[in-house]
N, C-alpha and C. Protein backbone atom coordinates (compact mmCIF):
# COMPACT_ATOMS: atom_id res chain seq x y z
N UNK A 1 108.80 29.40 -144.83
CA UNK A 1 108.80 29.91 -146.06
C UNK A 1 109.26 28.79 -146.77
N UNK A 2 108.44 29.09 -148.53
CA UNK A 2 107.79 28.27 -149.37
C UNK A 2 108.94 28.41 -150.49
N UNK A 3 109.11 27.80 -150.98
CA UNK A 3 109.49 27.61 -152.42
C UNK A 3 111.11 26.67 -152.10
N UNK A 4 111.99 26.64 -152.96
CA UNK A 4 112.96 26.34 -152.93
C UNK A 4 114.51 26.88 -152.49
N UNK A 5 115.41 26.44 -152.61
CA UNK A 5 116.77 27.21 -151.80
C UNK A 5 117.19 26.98 -152.81
N UNK A 6 118.25 28.21 -153.78
CA UNK A 6 118.70 28.71 -154.90
C UNK A 6 120.01 27.80 -154.29
N UNK A 7 121.04 27.93 -154.94
CA UNK A 7 122.53 27.84 -154.80
C UNK A 7 122.86 27.33 -155.65
N UNK A 8 124.69 28.60 -155.64
CA UNK A 8 125.10 28.37 -156.77
C UNK A 8 126.71 28.00 -156.13
N UNK A 9 127.39 27.81 -157.31
CA UNK A 9 129.37 27.35 -156.53
C UNK A 9 130.19 27.37 -157.79
N UNK A 10 131.12 27.28 -157.76
CA UNK A 10 132.38 27.26 -158.83
C UNK A 10 131.77 26.34 -159.13
N UNK A 11 132.36 25.84 -160.54
CA UNK A 11 132.65 24.94 -161.30
C UNK A 11 133.62 24.99 -162.81
N UNK A 12 134.25 23.56 -162.85
CA UNK A 12 135.32 24.15 -163.76
C UNK A 12 134.61 24.54 -165.40
N UNK A 13 135.31 25.37 -166.24
CA UNK A 13 135.13 26.11 -167.55
C UNK A 13 135.23 24.78 -168.50
N UNK A 14 135.17 23.89 -168.18
CA UNK A 14 134.91 22.43 -168.80
C UNK A 14 133.59 21.73 -168.26
N UNK A 15 133.20 22.17 -167.73
CA UNK A 15 131.33 22.02 -167.41
C UNK A 15 130.71 22.57 -167.95
N UNK A 16 131.12 23.68 -169.06
CA UNK A 16 129.97 24.11 -169.71
C UNK A 16 130.61 23.74 -171.26
N UNK A 17 129.94 23.61 -172.48
CA UNK A 17 129.94 23.24 -173.94
C UNK A 17 129.29 24.17 -174.28
N UNK A 18 129.23 25.18 -175.30
CA UNK A 18 128.33 26.13 -175.91
C UNK A 18 128.77 25.68 -177.13
N UNK A 19 127.24 25.62 -178.46
CA UNK A 19 127.90 25.87 -179.97
C UNK A 19 127.42 26.99 -180.44
N UNK A 20 127.98 28.03 -180.36
CA UNK A 20 127.05 28.99 -180.67
C UNK A 20 126.60 28.82 -181.94
N UNK A 21 125.47 29.70 -182.26
CA UNK A 21 124.76 29.97 -183.21
C UNK A 21 124.26 28.25 -183.58
N UNK A 22 124.57 27.22 -183.21
CA UNK A 22 123.44 26.34 -183.55
C UNK A 22 122.33 25.98 -182.51
N UNK A 23 122.38 26.85 -181.63
CA UNK A 23 121.93 26.73 -180.16
C UNK A 23 121.67 25.31 -179.54
N UNK A 24 123.17 24.79 -179.05
CA UNK A 24 123.36 23.78 -178.58
C UNK A 24 124.11 24.02 -177.16
N UNK A 25 124.05 23.25 -176.48
CA UNK A 25 124.84 23.55 -175.28
C UNK A 25 124.45 22.17 -174.33
N UNK A 26 125.52 22.20 -173.48
CA UNK A 26 125.63 21.64 -172.14
C UNK A 26 126.40 21.83 -170.99
N UNK A 27 125.69 21.07 -169.86
CA UNK A 27 126.38 21.61 -168.46
C UNK A 27 125.92 20.16 -167.87
N UNK A 28 127.94 20.13 -167.91
CA UNK A 28 127.93 18.54 -166.91
C UNK A 28 128.76 19.09 -165.76
N UNK A 29 128.36 18.81 -164.51
CA UNK A 29 129.10 18.60 -163.29
C UNK A 29 129.25 16.86 -162.45
N UNK A 30 130.10 16.65 -162.17
CA UNK A 30 130.12 15.21 -161.69
C UNK A 30 130.35 15.21 -159.73
N UNK A 31 129.74 14.40 -158.78
CA UNK A 31 130.14 14.62 -157.72
C UNK A 31 130.60 16.10 -157.28
N UNK A 32 129.92 16.83 -157.71
CA UNK A 32 130.10 18.20 -157.06
C UNK A 32 130.11 18.55 -155.50
N UNK A 33 130.75 18.78 -154.76
CA UNK A 33 131.02 18.52 -153.03
C UNK A 33 130.36 19.70 -152.82
N UNK A 34 129.30 19.74 -152.31
CA UNK A 34 128.62 20.77 -151.35
C UNK A 34 128.02 20.21 -149.37
N UNK A 35 126.72 21.27 -149.61
CA UNK A 35 126.79 20.59 -147.73
C UNK A 35 125.15 20.31 -148.11
N UNK A 36 124.41 19.22 -147.79
CA UNK A 36 122.72 19.17 -147.33
C UNK A 36 122.85 20.09 -145.54
N UNK A 37 121.78 21.11 -145.75
CA UNK A 37 121.19 21.80 -144.85
C UNK A 37 119.85 21.51 -144.40
N UNK A 38 119.62 20.37 -144.98
CA UNK A 38 117.89 19.77 -144.82
C UNK A 38 116.64 20.82 -144.73
N UNK A 39 116.98 21.87 -144.10
CA UNK A 39 116.06 22.75 -144.08
C UNK A 39 116.58 23.80 -144.54
N UNK A 40 115.36 24.74 -145.81
CA UNK A 40 115.30 26.17 -146.64
C UNK A 40 116.55 27.05 -145.07
N UNK A 41 115.53 27.18 -143.78
CA UNK A 41 115.94 28.44 -142.29
C UNK A 41 117.42 27.73 -142.30
N UNK A 42 117.57 26.89 -142.50
CA UNK A 42 119.22 26.17 -142.00
C UNK A 42 120.15 26.78 -143.00
N UNK A 43 119.42 26.64 -144.37
CA UNK A 43 120.60 27.01 -145.56
C UNK A 43 120.91 27.84 -145.18
N UNK A 44 120.03 29.02 -144.75
CA UNK A 44 120.18 30.20 -145.08
C UNK A 44 120.97 30.71 -143.81
N UNK A 45 119.97 30.90 -142.95
CA UNK A 45 120.52 30.83 -141.26
C UNK A 45 121.55 30.58 -140.68
N UNK A 46 121.45 29.30 -141.10
CA UNK A 46 122.53 28.47 -140.55
C UNK A 46 122.23 28.27 -138.96
N UNK A 47 121.13 28.04 -138.77
CA UNK A 47 120.64 28.50 -137.67
C UNK A 47 121.05 27.40 -136.60
N UNK A 48 121.61 26.18 -136.58
CA UNK A 48 121.07 24.87 -136.03
C UNK A 48 120.58 24.21 -135.83
N UNK A 49 118.96 24.21 -136.41
CA UNK A 49 117.54 23.85 -136.30
C UNK A 49 117.60 22.71 -137.46
N UNK A 50 118.80 22.47 -138.05
CA UNK A 50 119.04 21.19 -138.18
C UNK A 50 120.89 20.69 -138.49
N UNK A 51 120.92 19.53 -138.45
CA UNK A 51 122.26 19.03 -138.94
C UNK A 51 122.53 19.79 -140.15
N UNK A 52 124.23 19.50 -140.14
CA UNK A 52 125.02 20.55 -141.97
C UNK A 52 126.01 18.80 -142.40
N UNK A 53 125.38 18.31 -143.29
CA UNK A 53 126.19 16.79 -143.98
C UNK A 53 127.12 17.40 -144.88
N UNK A 54 128.02 16.55 -145.26
CA UNK A 54 128.28 16.55 -146.32
C UNK A 54 127.44 15.80 -147.46
N UNK A 55 127.52 16.60 -149.09
CA UNK A 55 127.22 15.88 -150.03
C UNK A 55 127.41 16.12 -151.07
N UNK A 56 126.87 15.40 -152.08
CA UNK A 56 127.33 15.68 -153.56
C UNK A 56 126.55 15.79 -154.57
N UNK A 57 126.31 16.45 -155.84
CA UNK A 57 125.84 16.32 -156.50
C UNK A 57 125.95 15.89 -158.07
N UNK A 58 125.12 15.42 -158.89
CA UNK A 58 126.25 15.49 -160.62
C UNK A 58 124.39 15.65 -161.05
N UNK A 59 125.00 16.83 -162.16
CA UNK A 59 124.23 17.34 -163.34
C UNK A 59 124.79 16.93 -164.77
N UNK A 60 123.29 16.61 -165.55
CA UNK A 60 123.84 16.75 -167.02
C UNK A 60 122.79 17.24 -167.59
N UNK A 61 123.23 18.47 -168.61
CA UNK A 61 122.09 19.05 -168.89
C UNK A 61 122.58 19.22 -170.64
N UNK A 62 121.45 19.09 -171.05
CA UNK A 62 121.24 19.16 -172.80
C UNK A 62 120.41 19.78 -173.38
N UNK A 63 121.21 20.96 -173.93
CA UNK A 63 120.29 21.82 -174.84
C UNK A 63 120.38 21.46 -176.04
N UNK A 64 119.00 21.33 -177.00
CA UNK A 64 119.53 21.44 -178.58
C UNK A 64 118.45 22.34 -179.48
N UNK A 65 119.18 22.97 -179.98
CA UNK A 65 118.48 23.91 -180.91
C UNK A 65 117.50 23.64 -181.72
N UNK A 66 116.38 24.12 -181.86
CA UNK A 66 115.58 23.50 -182.90
C UNK A 66 115.08 25.11 -184.29
N UNK A 67 115.88 25.47 -184.33
CA UNK A 67 115.81 26.93 -185.36
C UNK A 67 115.10 27.76 -184.97
N UNK A 68 114.28 27.83 -184.30
CA UNK A 68 113.23 29.09 -184.02
C UNK A 68 114.18 30.19 -183.08
N UNK A 69 114.17 31.28 -184.01
CA UNK A 69 114.86 31.91 -183.41
C UNK A 69 114.12 33.62 -182.95
N UNK A 70 114.13 34.14 -182.12
CA UNK A 70 114.22 35.44 -181.47
C UNK A 70 115.12 36.48 -181.65
N UNK A 71 115.13 37.48 -182.28
CA UNK A 71 115.92 38.97 -181.62
C UNK A 71 115.74 39.67 -180.74
N UNK A 72 116.07 40.31 -179.69
CA UNK A 72 115.61 41.15 -178.59
C UNK A 72 116.42 42.60 -178.92
N UNK A 73 115.62 42.76 -178.36
CA UNK A 73 116.31 44.60 -178.07
C UNK A 73 115.50 45.63 -177.34
N UNK A 74 116.06 45.96 -176.57
CA UNK A 74 115.49 47.35 -175.70
C UNK A 74 116.61 48.21 -175.04
N UNK A 75 116.26 48.75 -175.96
CA UNK A 75 117.34 50.24 -175.54
C UNK A 75 117.29 50.86 -174.37
N UNK A 76 116.00 51.16 -173.80
CA UNK A 76 115.76 52.17 -172.14
C UNK A 76 116.34 51.01 -171.64
N UNK A 77 116.09 49.31 -171.40
CA UNK A 77 116.63 48.81 -170.30
C UNK A 77 118.04 48.22 -170.51
N UNK A 78 118.70 48.47 -171.74
CA UNK A 78 119.73 48.50 -172.03
C UNK A 78 119.64 46.59 -171.71
N UNK A 79 119.47 46.14 -172.81
CA UNK A 79 119.47 44.27 -173.01
C UNK A 79 118.55 44.66 -174.14
N UNK A 80 119.26 43.69 -174.27
CA UNK A 80 119.37 42.46 -175.80
C UNK A 80 119.76 41.63 -175.70
N UNK A 81 119.26 40.66 -176.48
CA UNK A 81 119.91 39.42 -176.89
C UNK A 81 118.75 38.48 -178.31
N UNK A 82 119.53 37.18 -178.46
CA UNK A 82 119.78 36.29 -179.52
C UNK A 82 119.16 35.06 -179.14
N UNK A 83 117.75 34.88 -178.52
CA UNK A 83 117.52 33.76 -178.29
C UNK A 83 116.53 32.44 -179.49
N UNK A 84 116.77 31.03 -179.08
CA UNK A 84 116.55 30.15 -179.90
C UNK A 84 115.95 28.81 -178.78
N UNK A 85 114.57 29.16 -179.28
CA UNK A 85 113.88 27.44 -178.88
C UNK A 85 114.67 26.66 -178.94
N UNK A 86 114.71 25.66 -178.00
CA UNK A 86 115.32 24.50 -177.35
C UNK A 86 114.73 23.20 -177.46
N UNK A 87 114.96 22.13 -177.43
CA UNK A 87 114.61 21.46 -176.67
C UNK A 87 115.89 20.82 -175.64
N UNK A 88 115.44 20.19 -174.58
CA UNK A 88 116.26 19.87 -173.73
C UNK A 88 116.14 18.44 -172.41
N UNK A 89 116.95 18.33 -172.41
CA UNK A 89 117.01 16.96 -171.03
C UNK A 89 117.46 17.20 -170.04
N UNK A 90 117.45 16.68 -168.52
CA UNK A 90 118.25 16.75 -167.99
C UNK A 90 118.03 15.59 -166.81
N UNK A 91 119.48 15.35 -166.31
CA UNK A 91 119.73 13.72 -165.53
C UNK A 91 120.34 14.54 -164.50
N UNK A 92 120.21 13.83 -162.91
CA UNK A 92 120.61 14.46 -161.92
C UNK A 92 120.92 13.65 -160.94
N UNK A 93 121.80 13.75 -159.90
CA UNK A 93 121.44 12.82 -159.11
C UNK A 93 121.99 13.65 -157.54
N UNK A 94 122.17 13.24 -156.48
CA UNK A 94 122.69 13.96 -154.87
C UNK A 94 122.20 13.44 -153.88
N UNK A 95 123.01 12.40 -153.01
CA UNK A 95 123.47 12.43 -152.07
C UNK A 95 123.97 12.44 -150.87
N UNK A 96 123.71 12.19 -149.60
CA UNK A 96 124.58 13.17 -148.48
C UNK A 96 124.94 11.73 -147.66
N UNK A 97 126.19 12.76 -146.71
CA UNK A 97 127.27 11.23 -146.00
C UNK A 97 125.66 10.58 -144.74
N UNK A 98 124.95 10.59 -144.85
CA UNK A 98 123.71 10.18 -143.90
C UNK A 98 122.67 9.31 -144.71
N UNK A 99 123.81 9.20 -145.87
CA UNK A 99 122.92 7.36 -146.96
C UNK A 99 121.65 7.94 -147.79
N UNK A 100 121.05 9.60 -147.81
CA UNK A 100 120.10 9.86 -148.05
C UNK A 100 120.76 9.80 -150.13
N UNK A 101 119.66 9.58 -150.82
CA UNK A 101 120.48 9.78 -152.57
C UNK A 101 118.74 9.81 -153.16
N UNK A 102 119.09 11.14 -154.07
CA UNK A 102 117.75 11.60 -154.86
C UNK A 102 118.27 11.46 -155.91
N UNK A 103 117.56 11.49 -157.29
CA UNK A 103 117.98 10.87 -158.82
C UNK A 103 116.78 11.66 -159.40
N UNK A 104 117.01 11.78 -160.81
CA UNK A 104 115.94 11.70 -161.75
C UNK A 104 115.20 10.69 -161.44
N UNK A 105 113.66 10.87 -162.19
CA UNK A 105 112.66 10.01 -162.57
C UNK A 105 113.07 8.66 -162.46
N UNK A 106 113.13 7.06 -162.40
CA UNK A 106 113.59 6.42 -163.02
C UNK A 106 115.25 6.49 -162.95
N UNK A 107 115.47 7.32 -162.87
CA UNK A 107 117.25 7.13 -162.55
C UNK A 107 117.91 7.50 -163.95
N UNK A 108 116.86 8.00 -164.91
CA UNK A 108 116.78 8.46 -166.27
C UNK A 108 116.77 10.00 -166.82
N UNK A 109 116.72 10.62 -167.99
CA UNK A 109 116.36 11.82 -168.13
C UNK A 109 115.28 11.69 -167.97
N UNK A 110 114.84 13.00 -167.57
CA UNK A 110 113.91 13.94 -167.76
C UNK A 110 114.04 15.04 -169.03
N UNK A 111 112.25 14.91 -169.90
CA UNK A 111 112.53 16.42 -170.83
C UNK A 111 111.81 17.08 -170.14
N UNK A 112 112.53 18.21 -170.85
CA UNK A 112 112.07 19.53 -170.01
C UNK A 112 111.17 20.26 -171.37
N UNK A 113 109.81 20.86 -170.47
CA UNK A 113 108.79 21.24 -171.26
C UNK A 113 108.98 22.29 -172.05
N UNK A 114 109.87 22.97 -171.35
CA UNK A 114 110.22 24.69 -172.56
C UNK A 114 111.85 24.90 -172.02
N UNK A 115 112.45 25.30 -172.96
CA UNK A 115 113.67 25.46 -173.14
C UNK A 115 114.20 26.45 -174.24
N UNK A 116 115.45 27.24 -173.67
CA UNK A 116 116.02 27.95 -174.83
C UNK A 116 117.39 28.59 -175.02
N UNK A 117 118.19 28.75 -175.60
CA UNK A 117 119.53 28.89 -175.73
C UNK A 117 119.39 30.99 -175.71
N UNK A 118 120.45 31.28 -175.20
CA UNK A 118 120.75 32.88 -175.12
C UNK A 118 121.68 33.61 -175.50
N UNK A 119 122.10 34.47 -176.34
CA UNK A 119 123.68 34.85 -175.47
C UNK A 119 122.90 36.48 -175.72
N UNK A 120 123.48 36.47 -174.36
CA UNK A 120 122.42 38.76 -174.12
C UNK A 120 123.77 38.91 -173.77
N UNK A 121 123.31 40.63 -173.59
CA UNK A 121 123.78 41.87 -173.44
C UNK A 121 123.28 42.44 -172.61
N UNK A 122 123.91 42.76 -171.51
CA UNK A 122 123.16 44.13 -170.69
C UNK A 122 124.11 45.03 -170.25
N UNK A 123 123.68 46.23 -169.23
CA UNK A 123 123.86 47.31 -168.71
C UNK A 123 125.27 47.47 -169.34
N UNK A 124 126.36 46.99 -169.01
CA UNK A 124 127.88 48.16 -169.29
C UNK A 124 128.32 46.83 -170.88
N UNK A 125 127.74 45.45 -170.84
CA UNK A 125 128.02 45.10 -171.90
C UNK A 125 127.12 45.40 -173.13
N UNK A 126 126.08 46.53 -173.18
CA UNK A 126 124.87 46.27 -173.91
C UNK A 126 125.24 47.58 -174.66
N UNK A 127 125.56 47.32 -176.22
CA UNK A 127 125.86 47.82 -177.07
C UNK A 127 125.22 49.59 -177.22
N UNK A 128 125.71 50.23 -177.65
CA UNK A 128 124.90 51.47 -177.54
C UNK A 128 124.65 52.04 -178.85
């Protein structure tokens, strides 16, 4: 299997800060409890091919709107939204109970090459 494993987890509402109209947002979570499955196959199938150990992750992402805006509306697909180009930085770290530690390069922020913020509506929430 190639590629990465996508995971989701509930986080407190206070982890997300949004400034509508400014294109600015922040997502911060510290020491989020999770598991390290070591391999993609084990993370999906939990087949015992690798150990499962306690782990934590911390993430801090900042988006800053640049003012370049684009309005998208597709009635046929029932999809629309207001997008704003942004700059973004991310800082993250993760560790597991066996002592492994990973973090952003040089333990500092990494600038994202392309970012945007958006307010979108689709499906039942799409205006008629």
